[in-house]
Amino acid sequence: MPTRRHLLASATSTAVAATLATVTFPSEASADGRGAAPSADRAPGTTVGRTVTGTLPTGSPDFVYLPFEVPRGVREVRVSYSYDKPKVPAGTQGNALDIGLFDERGTALGGAGFRGWSGGARTEFFVRADDATPGYLQGRVRAGTWHVALGPYTVAPQGLRYEVTITLTYGPESPGTAPVYPPERAKGRAGKSGPAWYRGDCHLHSVHSDGKRTPAEIAALARAAGLDFIHSSDHNTTSAHRAWDGLWGDDLLVLVGEEVTTRNGHVLALSPDPGTFVDWRYRARDNRFGHYARAVRRAGGLVVPAHPHQTCIGCNWKFGFADADAVEVWNGPYTPDDEVSLAEWDNALITSMRSGRAWTPAMGNSDAHRGPDAVALPQTVVRAGELSRRAILAGLRGGHSYVAESSKVSLDFTASGGRGGHAGIGERLTGVRPGDDVTVRLDVTGAAGCTVRFVTDQGTLFTAPAPVPASGAATVEWTTTPRYATYVRAEVRHPARTDDGGLPGALAAFTNPIFLDAGMAAR
């Protein structure tokens, strides 16, 4: 058995890939000893396996495909792998190797042959007609050339030594089951079946990628946190779309999608049609993101760049925001990279006004993976006509939303002026002239000790003179004009920490803007 496999470079217009030599499986003697038994005639339960070893050098392609032949009569494919993690000099990246699987339909972009991805979260997986490891898609095991997909995320100077074992099990297939996807509408909690403010967390990970919580555990935590809707967003796989059966209810709408995890940033494919797969095998230099962003929208979903300034390798968003329907400004417990994202988003509001383009709403999500990650810290609170997929997405797309650290925090933010004009979050105040007085009002609850401030295209023009009292409730008003403030948004912040290097206090909540200038609309 060879210990090294030759890399055959693939010339593609997308992220560089390579293909290893094809793995075949040895014949076995028939029961009567007269020679090799045809694959389809092997006894049920018979297993055959091959182990492949090799080394990937530094500078390896983003994806390395290991093809293997699946004969007729195979009912299950099982793969395990390992790789070395040598010591590296300080400041140098070590080895990290992701893994996934494509079936006989091939590895072409678009995902026709996609059967699953676990990144670096698992060391083994299986697929068959009636079941599969979380992260992988159950379905028929057809004869043909399959591919193990290796993703050398980082490679140590010594290279990355890997070992992959592929095991085939023969026998008749068990009947598969049709996927059951969550309903697109929920009745809502008592008294909230129609137009209301609905709370949701749209960035959650389960055991179907690198999370440690089951869908049942996530649903229970969401209910305990007072959420009305959640969104399943596992990395680079749709396997969780069918994993919520029995977990939704009148009080909880479950939306499904994907966190598309590329080498140049992560983006939420937010609630496209269930089962929609969005490919991730490209970089910003490949000019492919716009194609997949349009595919998400055609499938009824939203495109939301996630944690655009997070510092982990490959997390920083490098595709630009021209194709974004919203942006995740606040991700998990508030940190300096969220502050940078908030500032960048605010700057983009000004750019939109100058160019006449539609503005991009902001949202916030927990990105919770495991304990002690808190589901619903933060959460996006959206004004929607009902608790349904269509209405929630319309509210998010229109920017009729604010972000809060918990269900204890509630905001009511409005602007009024001119001839009885009135506008709420994400709306435009009409009927006012440039010099007319406009009164901006924020009613806040659940934010004891926090400071309220109003931010405009000029910056923070008003800060409440006193913090929110111990009751947690306050009403803050400020009068301005459209000439002085083109838009106004509200921030509710905790007191600044003395060890934060002059940064403002962490957010407790913030709103999307109200526009006091004609002509602005969300995407």
Protein backbone atom coordinates (compact mmCIF):
# COMPACT_ATOMS: atom_id res chain seq x y z
CA MET A 1 0.00 0.00 0.00
CA PRO A 2 1.52 3.36 -0.97
CA THR A 3 2.26 5.82 1.78
CA ARG A 4 2.12 8.92 -0.43
CA ARG A 5 -0.51 9.90 -2.96
CA HIS A 6 0.31 11.99 -5.97
CA LEU A 7 -1.43 15.37 -6.12
CA LEU A 8 -3.06 16.01 -9.48
CA ALA A 9 -3.80 19.73 -9.81
CA SER A 10 -7.27 20.75 -10.99
CA ALA A 11 -7.45 23.83 -13.18
CA THR A 12 -10.57 25.65 -12.04
CA SER A 13 -11.72 29.26 -11.89
CA THR A 14 -12.47 28.90 -8.20
CA ALA A 15 -10.47 28.13 -5.07
CA VAL A 16 -7.53 25.93 -6.00
CA ALA A 17 -8.26 22.21 -5.66
CA ALA A 18 -6.33 19.01 -6.27
CA THR A 19 -7.25 15.37 -6.75
CA LEU A 20 -5.42 12.34 -5.38
CA ALA A 21 -5.13 8.96 -7.08
CA THR A 22 -8.32 6.88 -7.04
CA VAL A 23 -8.78 4.26 -4.32
CA THR A 24 -10.18 0.89 -5.38
CA PHE A 25 -11.15 -2.07 -3.23
CA PRO A 26 -9.74 -5.59 -3.55
CA SER A 27 -11.85 -8.48 -4.70
CA GLU A 28 -12.70 -11.21 -2.20
CA ALA A 29 -12.75 -14.95 -2.73
CA SER A 30 -16.21 -16.41 -3.21
CA ALA A 31 -17.66 -18.75 -0.62
CA ASP A 32 -16.74 -21.85 -2.67
CA GLY A 33 -13.17 -20.65 -3.17
CA ARG A 34 -13.50 -20.47 -6.95
CA GLY A 35 -12.48 -16.85 -7.35
CA ALA A 36 -13.62 -13.35 -6.74
CA ALA A 37 -17.24 -12.90 -5.82
CA PRO A 38 -19.03 -10.14 -7.78
CA SER A 39 -19.52 -7.11 -5.60
CA ALA A 40 -23.29 -7.29 -5.72
CA ASP A 41 -23.21 -10.96 -4.62
CA ARG A 42 -21.25 -10.45 -1.45
CA ALA A 43 -22.93 -11.56 1.75
CA PRO A 44 -24.86 -8.86 3.60
CA GLY A 45 -22.68 -7.34 6.28
CA THR A 46 -19.43 -7.97 4.42
CA THR A 47 -17.03 -5.06 4.86
CA VAL A 48 -13.98 -4.04 2.86
CA GLY A 49 -11.65 -1.20 3.71
CA ARG A 50 -8.64 0.72 2.50
CA THR A 51 -6.34 3.10 4.35
CA VAL A 52 -4.55 5.89 2.53
CA THR A 53 -1.71 7.93 4.00
CA GLY A 54 0.13 10.93 2.67
CA THR A 55 1.56 14.33 3.41
CA LEU A 56 0.24 17.70 2.32
CA PRO A 57 2.92 20.41 2.03
CA THR A 58 2.59 24.03 3.03
CA GLY A 59 0.86 25.93 0.27
CA SER A 60 -1.48 23.02 -0.45
CA PRO A 61 -4.69 23.72 -2.35
CA ASP A 62 -7.73 24.75 -0.33
CA PHE A 63 -9.40 21.42 -1.13
CA VAL A 64 -7.87 18.04 -1.85
CA TYR A 65 -10.19 15.32 -3.15
CA LEU A 66 -9.58 11.63 -2.52
CA PRO A 67 -11.65 9.65 -5.06
CA PHE A 68 -12.74 6.10 -4.29
CA GLU A 69 -14.77 3.57 -6.22
CA VAL A 70 -18.04 2.32 -4.74
CA PRO A 71 -19.14 -0.95 -6.37
CA ARG A 72 -22.75 -2.10 -6.73
CA GLY A 73 -24.31 -3.63 -3.62
CA VAL A 74 -22.80 -1.30 -1.04
CA ARG A 75 -25.26 -0.13 1.62
CA GLU A 76 -22.99 2.05 3.79
CA VAL A 77 -19.91 4.22 3.36
CA ARG A 78 -17.87 4.94 6.48
CA VAL A 79 -14.83 7.22 6.68
CA SER A 80 -12.39 7.91 9.51
CA TYR A 81 -9.30 10.06 9.48
CA SER A 82 -6.47 11.46 11.56
CA TYR A 83 -3.56 13.81 11.06
CA ASP A 84 -0.46 14.86 12.95
CA LYS A 85 -0.16 18.04 14.98
CA PRO A 86 3.56 18.74 15.38
CA LYS A 87 4.94 21.53 17.50
CA VAL A 88 5.46 24.76 15.60
CA PRO A 89 7.39 27.96 16.39
CA ALA A 90 5.57 30.68 18.26
CA GLY A 91 3.39 32.71 15.93
CA THR A 92 3.23 29.95 13.29
CA GLN A 93 0.04 28.11 12.47
CA GLY A 94 -0.10 24.37 13.09
CA ASN A 95 -2.05 21.71 11.25
CA ALA A 96 -5.83 21.79 10.89
CA LEU A 97 -7.55 19.47 8.42
CA ASP A 98 -11.28 19.58 7.62
CA ILE A 99 -13.21 16.76 5.98
CA GLY A 100 -16.40 16.12 4.01
CA LEU A 101 -17.92 13.80 1.42
CA PHE A 102 -19.26 13.96 -2.15
CA ASP A 103 -21.04 11.09 -3.87
CA GLU A 104 -20.94 9.76 -7.43
CA ARG A 105 -22.48 12.98 -8.79
CA GLY A 106 -19.13 14.68 -8.41
CA THR A 107 -17.42 17.61 -6.70
CA ALA A 108 -18.39 20.40 -9.08
CA LEU A 109 -19.35 23.70 -7.50
CA GLY A 110 -23.04 23.94 -6.75
CA GLY A 111 -23.19 20.82 -4.64
CA ALA A 112 -24.99 18.24 -6.78
CA GLY A 113 -22.82 15.53 -5.23
CA PHE A 114 -22.63 17.02 -1.73
CA ARG A 115 -23.22 14.44 1.03
CA GLY A 116 -21.87 16.23 4.08
CA TRP A 117 -19.24 18.26 5.86
CA SER A 118 -18.00 18.13 9.43
CA GLY A 119 -14.99 20.41 9.15
CA GLY A 120 -12.69 19.46 11.99
CA ALA A 121 -15.47 18.56 14.42
CA ARG A 122 -15.43 14.77 13.85
CA THR A 123 -12.89 12.06 13.19
CA GLU A 124 -15.33 9.63 11.53
CA PHE A 125 -18.72 9.54 9.83
CA PHE A 126 -21.03 7.29 7.81
CA VAL A 127 -23.84 7.62 5.28
CA ARG A 128 -26.50 5.15 4.20
CA ALA A 129 -30.05 5.28 2.89
CA ASP A 130 -31.83 5.44 6.24
CA ASP A 131 -29.33 7.31 8.42
CA ALA A 132 -26.14 9.37 8.52
CA THR A 133 -23.81 11.01 11.00
CA PRO A 134 -24.96 14.55 11.89
CA GLY A 135 -23.50 16.90 9.31
CA TYR A 136 -24.06 14.32 6.55
CA LEU A 137 -27.05 13.54 4.35
CA GLN A 138 -28.71 10.18 4.42
CA GLY A 139 -29.61 8.74 1.05
CA ARG A 140 -28.93 5.94 -1.38
CA VAL A 141 -25.39 4.67 -1.81
CA ARG A 142 -25.06 4.42 -5.58
CA ALA A 143 -22.19 2.85 -7.47
CA GLY A 144 -19.61 5.18 -8.93
CA THR A 145 -16.67 7.37 -8.00
CA TRP A 146 -17.14 9.12 -4.64
CA HIS A 147 -14.78 11.65 -3.08
CA VAL A 148 -13.55 12.35 0.40
CA ALA A 149 -12.99 16.11 0.55
CA LEU A 150 -9.99 17.21 2.61
CA GLY A 151 -9.64 20.86 3.55
CA PRO A 152 -6.14 21.71 4.82
CA TYR A 153 -7.18 24.86 6.67
CA THR A 154 -3.66 25.51 7.95
CA VAL A 155 -0.47 23.51 7.38
CA ALA A 156 2.58 23.45 9.66
CA PRO A 157 6.06 24.04 8.19
CA GLN A 158 6.72 20.29 8.57
CA GLY A 159 3.75 19.48 6.36
CA LEU A 160 0.51 17.72 7.27
CA ARG A 161 0.62 13.92 7.50
CA TYR A 162 -2.83 12.38 7.21
CA GLU A 163 -4.41 8.95 7.26
CA VAL A 164 -7.85 8.25 5.78
CA THR A 165 -9.66 4.92 6.14
CA ILE A 166 -12.64 4.17 3.90
CA THR A 167 -14.86 1.20 4.77
CA LEU A 168 -17.67 -0.14 2.60
CA THR A 169 -20.42 -2.38 3.96
CA TYR A 170 -22.42 -4.56 1.59
CA GLY A 171 -26.07 -5.50 1.84
CA PRO A 172 -29.55 -4.43 0.84
CA GLU A 173 -30.45 -0.84 1.55
CA SER A 174 -32.93 -0.03 4.28
CA PRO A 175 -35.83 2.16 3.19
CA GLY A 176 -35.04 5.83 3.41
CA THR A 177 -37.36 8.44 4.88
CA ALA A 178 -38.56 11.66 3.33
CA PRO A 179 -37.28 14.77 5.13
CA VAL A 180 -39.68 16.59 7.42
CA TYR A 181 -39.00 20.31 7.50
CA PRO A 182 -40.32 22.88 9.99
CA PRO A 183 -43.57 24.66 9.12
CA GLU A 184 -43.22 28.21 7.82
CA ARG A 185 -45.66 29.75 10.27
CA ALA A 186 -46.34 29.52 14.01
CA LYS A 187 -49.37 30.80 15.87
CA GLY A 188 -47.21 32.70 18.34
CA ARG A 189 -47.52 33.10 22.05
CA ALA A 190 -50.86 34.14 23.47
CA GLY A 191 -51.78 37.55 22.12
CA LYS A 192 -48.97 37.63 19.55
CA SER A 193 -50.50 35.86 16.58
CA GLY A 194 -50.59 39.02 14.43
CA PRO A 195 -48.45 42.15 14.07
CA ALA A 196 -45.98 42.31 16.95
CA TRP A 197 -42.33 42.49 17.93
CA TYR A 198 -40.84 38.99 17.69
CA ARG A 199 -37.54 37.95 19.26
CA GLY A 200 -35.13 35.63 17.52
CA ASP A 201 -31.60 34.26 17.37
CA CYS A 202 -30.51 33.59 13.80
CA HIS A 203 -27.02 32.16 14.35
CA LEU A 204 -26.98 28.86 16.22
CA HIS A 205 -24.84 25.74 15.89
CA SER A 206 -25.73 22.17 16.77
CA VAL A 207 -24.10 18.75 16.65
CA HIS A 208 -24.62 18.93 12.88
CA SER A 209 -21.43 21.01 12.66
CA ASP A 210 -19.06 22.09 15.42
CA GLY A 211 -21.70 22.67 18.10
CA LYS A 212 -22.19 20.40 21.08
CA ARG A 213 -25.92 20.88 21.58
CA THR A 214 -28.66 18.81 20.01
CA PRO A 215 -31.55 20.55 18.26
CA ALA A 216 -33.74 19.56 21.21
CA GLU A 217 -31.40 21.27 23.66
CA ILE A 218 -31.29 24.40 21.50
CA ALA A 219 -35.08 24.57 21.25
CA ALA A 220 -35.41 24.24 25.02
CA LEU A 221 -32.85 27.01 25.62
CA ALA A 222 -34.57 29.26 23.09
CA ARG A 223 -37.90 28.88 24.85
CA ALA A 224 -36.28 29.52 28.22
CA ALA A 225 -34.73 32.71 26.82
CA GLY A 226 -38.13 33.99 25.65
CA LEU A 227 -37.46 33.68 21.92
CA ASP A 228 -40.21 33.47 19.32
CA PHE A 229 -38.03 32.19 16.47
CA ILE A 230 -34.63 30.62 15.89
CA HIS A 231 -32.50 29.89 12.84
CA SER A 232 -30.38 26.78 12.36
CA SER A 233 -27.06 27.82 10.79
CA ASP A 234 -24.58 24.97 10.88
CA HIS A 235 -21.34 25.28 8.95
CA ASN A 236 -21.43 24.23 5.29
CA THR A 237 -24.17 21.61 5.58
CA THR A 238 -27.94 21.28 5.34
CA SER A 239 -28.22 18.10 7.40
CA ALA A 240 -29.85 19.92 10.33
CA HIS A 241 -32.75 21.09 8.18
CA ARG A 242 -34.59 17.84 8.83
CA ALA A 243 -33.55 17.51 12.50
CA TRP A 244 -36.24 19.68 14.13
CA ASP A 245 -39.26 17.38 13.84
CA GLY A 246 -41.39 17.71 16.97
CA LEU A 247 -39.34 20.63 18.34
CA TRP A 248 -41.29 23.51 16.85
CA GLY A 249 -44.65 24.60 18.21
CA ASP A 250 -47.18 27.40 18.41
CA ASP A 251 -44.66 29.36 20.47
CA LEU A 252 -41.51 28.73 18.43
CA LEU A 253 -40.88 29.21 14.72
CA VAL A 254 -37.85 27.27 13.45
CA LEU A 255 -36.07 28.61 10.36
CA VAL A 256 -33.28 26.68 8.64
CA GLY A 257 -30.25 27.68 6.61
CA GLU A 258 -26.46 27.50 6.65
CA GLU A 259 -23.40 29.39 7.79
CA VAL A 260 -21.40 29.47 4.58
CA THR A 261 -17.85 29.22 5.89
CA THR A 262 -15.28 30.27 3.30
CA ARG A 263 -11.58 31.01 3.68
CA ASN A 264 -12.34 34.76 3.46
CA GLY A 265 -15.26 35.12 5.83
CA HIS A 266 -18.53 33.61 6.98
CA VAL A 267 -22.03 34.49 5.78
CA LEU A 268 -25.45 33.36 6.96
CA ALA A 269 -27.71 31.98 4.25
CA LEU A 270 -30.72 33.02 6.31
CA SER A 271 -33.76 30.82 5.75
CA PRO A 272 -33.69 29.92 2.06
CA ASP A 273 -36.03 27.08 1.11
CA PRO A 274 -35.29 24.02 3.29
CA GLY A 275 -32.73 21.74 1.70
CA THR A 276 -31.01 24.58 -0.18
CA PHE A 277 -27.27 23.97 -0.22
CA VAL A 278 -24.93 26.96 -0.61
CA ASP A 279 -21.38 26.18 -1.68
CA TRP A 280 -18.43 27.62 0.22
CA ARG A 281 -15.45 26.47 -1.89
CA TYR A 282 -14.20 29.84 -3.13
CA ARG A 283 -12.30 32.89 -1.98
CA ALA A 284 -12.93 36.59 -2.56
CA ARG A 285 -10.40 36.56 -5.40
CA ASP A 286 -12.54 34.03 -7.30
CA ASN A 287 -15.45 36.46 -7.78
CA ARG A 288 -18.08 33.79 -7.05
CA PHE A 289 -19.81 35.13 -3.95
CA GLY A 290 -22.32 37.24 -5.88
CA HIS A 291 -23.49 34.14 -7.75
CA TYR A 292 -24.30 32.29 -4.54
CA ALA A 293 -25.80 35.37 -2.89
CA ARG A 294 -28.28 35.59 -5.75
CA ALA A 295 -29.02 31.88 -5.40
CA VAL A 296 -29.89 32.39 -1.72
CA ARG A 297 -32.30 35.17 -2.60
CA ARG A 298 -33.89 33.13 -5.39
CA ALA A 299 -34.56 30.48 -2.76
CA GLY A 300 -36.35 33.06 -0.60
CA GLY A 301 -33.54 33.69 1.89
CA LEU A 302 -31.41 36.59 3.06
CA VAL A 303 -27.64 37.07 2.76
CA VAL A 304 -26.10 38.19 6.08
CA PRO A 305 -22.30 38.49 6.53
CA ALA A 306 -21.51 37.18 10.01
CA HIS A 307 -19.08 38.64 12.59
CA PRO A 308 -17.26 40.60 9.86
CA HIS A 309 -14.35 41.65 12.09
CA GLN A 310 -13.89 38.50 14.15
CA THR A 311 -10.21 37.66 14.46
CA CYS A 312 -10.18 33.86 13.95
CA ILE A 313 -8.45 32.59 10.80
CA GLY A 314 -10.74 32.94 7.79
CA CYS A 315 -13.44 34.76 9.78
CA ASN A 316 -12.77 38.35 8.71
CA TRP A 317 -15.21 39.33 5.95
CA LYS A 318 -13.44 40.17 2.67
CA PHE A 319 -16.23 39.96 0.06
CA GLY A 320 -17.66 43.45 0.59
CA PHE A 321 -21.26 44.27 1.41
CA ALA A 322 -22.77 45.00 -1.99
CA ASP A 323 -24.57 41.63 -1.96
CA ALA A 324 -25.66 41.74 1.69
CA ASP A 325 -29.31 42.00 2.74
CA ALA A 326 -28.29 42.67 6.35
CA VAL A 327 -25.11 42.44 8.41
CA GLU A 328 -24.46 40.77 11.75
CA VAL A 329 -23.01 43.71 13.70
CA TRP A 330 -23.17 42.10 17.17
CA ASN A 331 -22.06 38.48 17.61
CA GLY A 332 -22.16 36.85 21.05
CA PRO A 333 -20.94 38.66 24.19
CA TYR A 334 -20.02 42.20 23.19
CA THR A 335 -16.32 42.61 22.34
CA PRO A 336 -14.07 45.19 20.61
CA ASP A 337 -14.51 43.52 17.21
CA ASP A 338 -18.27 44.12 17.55
CA GLU A 339 -17.51 47.78 18.23
CA VAL A 340 -15.53 47.89 14.97
CA SER A 341 -18.39 46.19 13.10
CA LEU A 342 -20.86 48.70 14.52
CA ALA A 343 -18.71 51.63 13.41
CA GLU A 344 -18.21 50.18 9.93
CA TRP A 345 -21.95 49.61 9.55
CA ASP A 346 -22.69 53.17 10.66
CA ASN A 347 -20.19 54.48 8.12
CA ALA A 348 -21.94 52.43 5.46
CA LEU A 349 -25.22 54.20 6.28
CA ILE A 350 -23.56 57.47 5.38
CA THR A 351 -22.11 55.98 2.19
CA SER A 352 -25.58 54.79 1.19
CA MET A 353 -27.02 58.25 1.68
CA ARG A 354 -24.28 59.83 -0.42
CA SER A 355 -24.62 57.31 -3.25
CA GLY A 356 -28.39 56.98 -3.18
CA ARG A 357 -28.14 53.20 -2.75
CA ALA A 358 -30.34 51.24 -0.38
CA TRP A 359 -29.03 50.92 3.16
CA THR A 360 -28.15 47.63 4.85
CA PRO A 361 -29.91 46.82 8.14
CA ALA A 362 -28.01 45.48 11.15
CA MET A 363 -28.81 42.49 13.32
CA GLY A 364 -27.26 40.57 16.23
CA ASN A 365 -27.08 36.88 17.12
CA SER A 366 -25.47 34.63 19.71
CA ASP A 367 -23.42 32.27 17.50
CA ALA A 368 -23.84 29.84 20.40
CA HIS A 369 -22.06 26.51 20.00
CA ARG A 370 -21.96 24.88 23.43
CA GLY A 371 -22.15 25.65 27.13
CA PRO A 372 -21.58 28.21 28.51
CA ASP A 373 -22.48 30.03 25.26
CA ALA A 374 -25.80 31.72 25.94
CA VAL A 375 -28.53 31.28 23.36
CA ALA A 376 -30.18 34.69 22.65
CA LEU A 377 -27.14 36.80 23.68
CA PRO A 378 -27.78 38.90 21.72
CA GLN A 379 -31.12 38.61 19.93
CA THR A 380 -32.77 40.50 17.11
CA VAL A 381 -36.25 41.87 17.83
CA VAL A 382 -38.19 42.35 14.61
CA ARG A 383 -41.50 44.00 13.83
CA ALA A 384 -43.45 41.55 11.67
CA GLY A 385 -47.04 41.11 10.56
CA GLU A 386 -47.10 37.58 11.95
CA LEU A 387 -44.79 34.87 13.21
CA SER A 388 -43.93 33.37 9.85
CA ARG A 389 -40.87 32.85 7.72
CA ARG A 390 -42.02 35.36 5.11
CA ALA A 391 -43.00 38.06 7.60
CA ILE A 392 -39.87 37.71 9.75
CA LEU A 393 -37.57 37.91 6.73
CA ALA A 394 -39.47 40.93 5.41
CA GLY A 395 -39.02 42.68 8.76
CA LEU A 396 -35.31 41.93 8.83
CA ARG A 397 -34.84 42.99 5.21
CA GLY A 398 -36.66 46.25 5.89
CA GLY A 399 -34.62 47.03 9.00
CA HIS A 400 -37.68 47.08 11.24
CA SER A 401 -35.69 45.66 14.12
CA TYR A 402 -33.44 46.30 17.06
CA VAL A 403 -30.86 44.18 18.89
CA ALA A 404 -30.94 43.46 22.64
CA GLU A 405 -28.80 41.49 25.04
CA SER A 406 -31.80 39.57 26.45
CA SER A 407 -35.57 39.38 26.47
CA LYS A 408 -35.54 41.60 29.57
CA VAL A 409 -34.58 44.59 27.40
CA SER A 410 -37.31 46.21 25.30
CA LEU A 411 -37.18 49.36 23.19
CA ASP A 412 -39.80 51.58 21.59
CA PHE A 413 -38.08 54.09 19.31
CA THR A 414 -40.00 56.67 17.26
CA ALA A 415 -39.66 60.03 15.56
CA SER A 416 -42.44 62.56 15.04
CA GLY A 417 -42.70 66.02 13.54
CA GLY A 418 -43.97 68.18 10.75
CA ARG A 419 -47.66 67.79 10.01
CA GLY A 420 -48.33 64.89 12.33
CA GLY A 421 -45.70 62.66 10.75
CA HIS A 422 -44.61 59.57 12.66
CA ALA A 423 -41.96 56.92 11.93
CA GLY A 424 -40.59 53.86 13.65
CA ILE A 425 -37.41 51.81 13.37
CA GLY A 426 -36.31 51.29 9.79
CA GLU A 427 -38.81 53.85 8.46
CA ARG A 428 -38.56 57.31 6.94
CA LEU A 429 -40.27 60.29 8.50
CA THR A 430 -42.28 62.01 5.79
CA GLY A 431 -43.90 65.41 5.62
CA VAL A 432 -41.03 67.32 7.23
CA ARG A 433 -38.95 70.13 5.79
CA PRO A 434 -35.22 70.52 6.45
CA GLY A 435 -35.71 73.03 9.27
CA ASP A 436 -38.75 71.44 10.93
CA ASP A 437 -38.46 70.26 14.50
CA VAL A 438 -38.42 66.47 14.90
CA THR A 439 -38.80 64.81 18.28
CA VAL A 440 -37.03 61.50 18.75
CA ARG A 441 -38.24 59.36 21.64
CA LEU A 442 -36.92 56.15 23.16
CA ASP A 443 -38.81 54.16 25.78
CA VAL A 444 -36.56 51.51 27.31
CA THR A 445 -37.15 48.81 29.91
CA GLY A 446 -34.82 46.26 31.45
CA ALA A 447 -31.68 48.40 31.27
CA ALA A 448 -30.96 49.64 34.81
CA GLY A 449 -27.75 51.65 35.06
CA CYS A 450 -27.31 51.96 31.31
CA THR A 451 -26.86 55.16 29.33
CA VAL A 452 -29.02 56.14 26.37
CA ARG A 453 -27.55 58.03 23.45
CA PHE A 454 -28.75 59.04 20.00
CA VAL A 455 -26.37 58.60 17.06
CA THR A 456 -26.70 60.44 13.75
CA ASP A 457 -24.72 60.78 10.54
CA GLN A 458 -22.57 63.31 12.45
CA GLY A 459 -21.99 60.98 15.36
CA THR A 460 -23.42 60.95 18.87
CA LEU A 461 -25.31 64.22 19.16
CA PHE A 462 -27.21 63.52 22.36
CA THR A 463 -26.50 61.51 25.50
CA ALA A 464 -29.07 61.29 28.29
CA PRO A 465 -27.80 63.24 31.30
CA ALA A 466 -28.62 60.45 33.75
CA PRO A 467 -28.43 56.67 33.51
CA VAL A 468 -31.55 54.52 33.42
CA PRO A 469 -32.81 54.25 37.03
CA ALA A 470 -32.87 51.07 39.10
CA SER A 471 -36.38 50.29 37.85
CA GLY A 472 -34.80 49.65 34.44
CA ALA A 473 -37.32 51.90 32.68
CA ALA A 474 -36.81 55.34 31.19
CA THR A 475 -38.10 57.66 28.51
CA VAL A 476 -35.58 59.82 26.68
CA GLU A 477 -36.49 62.54 24.16
CA TRP A 478 -34.42 64.77 21.92
CA THR A 479 -35.43 67.42 19.40
CA THR A 480 -33.52 67.91 16.16
CA THR A 481 -34.16 68.76 12.51
CA PRO A 482 -33.65 66.86 9.22
CA ARG A 483 -31.01 69.45 8.32
CA TYR A 484 -29.03 68.60 11.47
CA ALA A 485 -29.54 64.83 11.49
CA THR A 486 -30.19 62.80 8.35
CA TYR A 487 -30.91 59.72 10.44
CA VAL A 488 -31.10 58.88 14.13
CA ARG A 489 -30.53 55.56 15.81
CA ALA A 490 -30.50 54.71 19.51
CA GLU A 491 -27.87 52.96 21.61
CA VAL A 492 -28.27 51.71 25.17
CA ARG A 493 -24.89 51.04 26.75
CA HIS A 494 -23.53 49.67 29.99
CA PRO A 495 -21.04 51.84 31.90
CA ALA A 496 -17.58 51.89 30.35
CA ARG A 497 -14.91 49.72 31.97
CA THR A 498 -11.72 51.38 33.13
CA ASP A 499 -9.60 48.63 31.54
CA ASP A 500 -11.11 48.92 28.04
CA GLY A 501 -8.65 51.49 26.74
CA GLY A 502 -11.20 54.25 26.31
CA LEU A 503 -13.82 52.17 24.49
CA PRO A 504 -17.44 53.02 25.23
CA GLY A 505 -19.42 50.66 27.42
CA ALA A 506 -20.75 47.42 25.96
CA LEU A 507 -24.09 47.56 24.22
CA ALA A 508 -27.22 46.48 26.02
CA ALA A 509 -29.27 47.29 22.91
CA PHE A 510 -29.23 49.33 19.72
CA THR A 511 -31.69 50.10 16.95
CA ASN A 512 -31.66 50.37 13.22
CA PRO A 513 -32.06 53.98 12.12
CA ILE A 514 -35.05 56.20 11.52
CA PHE A 515 -34.40 58.40 8.48
CA LEU A 516 -35.30 62.05 8.55
CA ASP A 517 -34.23 62.56 4.96
CA ALA A 518 -36.23 61.75 1.83
CA GLY A 519 -35.26 58.95 -0.47
CA MET A 520 -33.74 56.34 1.85
CA ALA A 521 -35.02 52.77 1.80
CA ALA A 522 -33.74 49.39 2.95
CA ARG A 523 -32.73 46.83 0.39
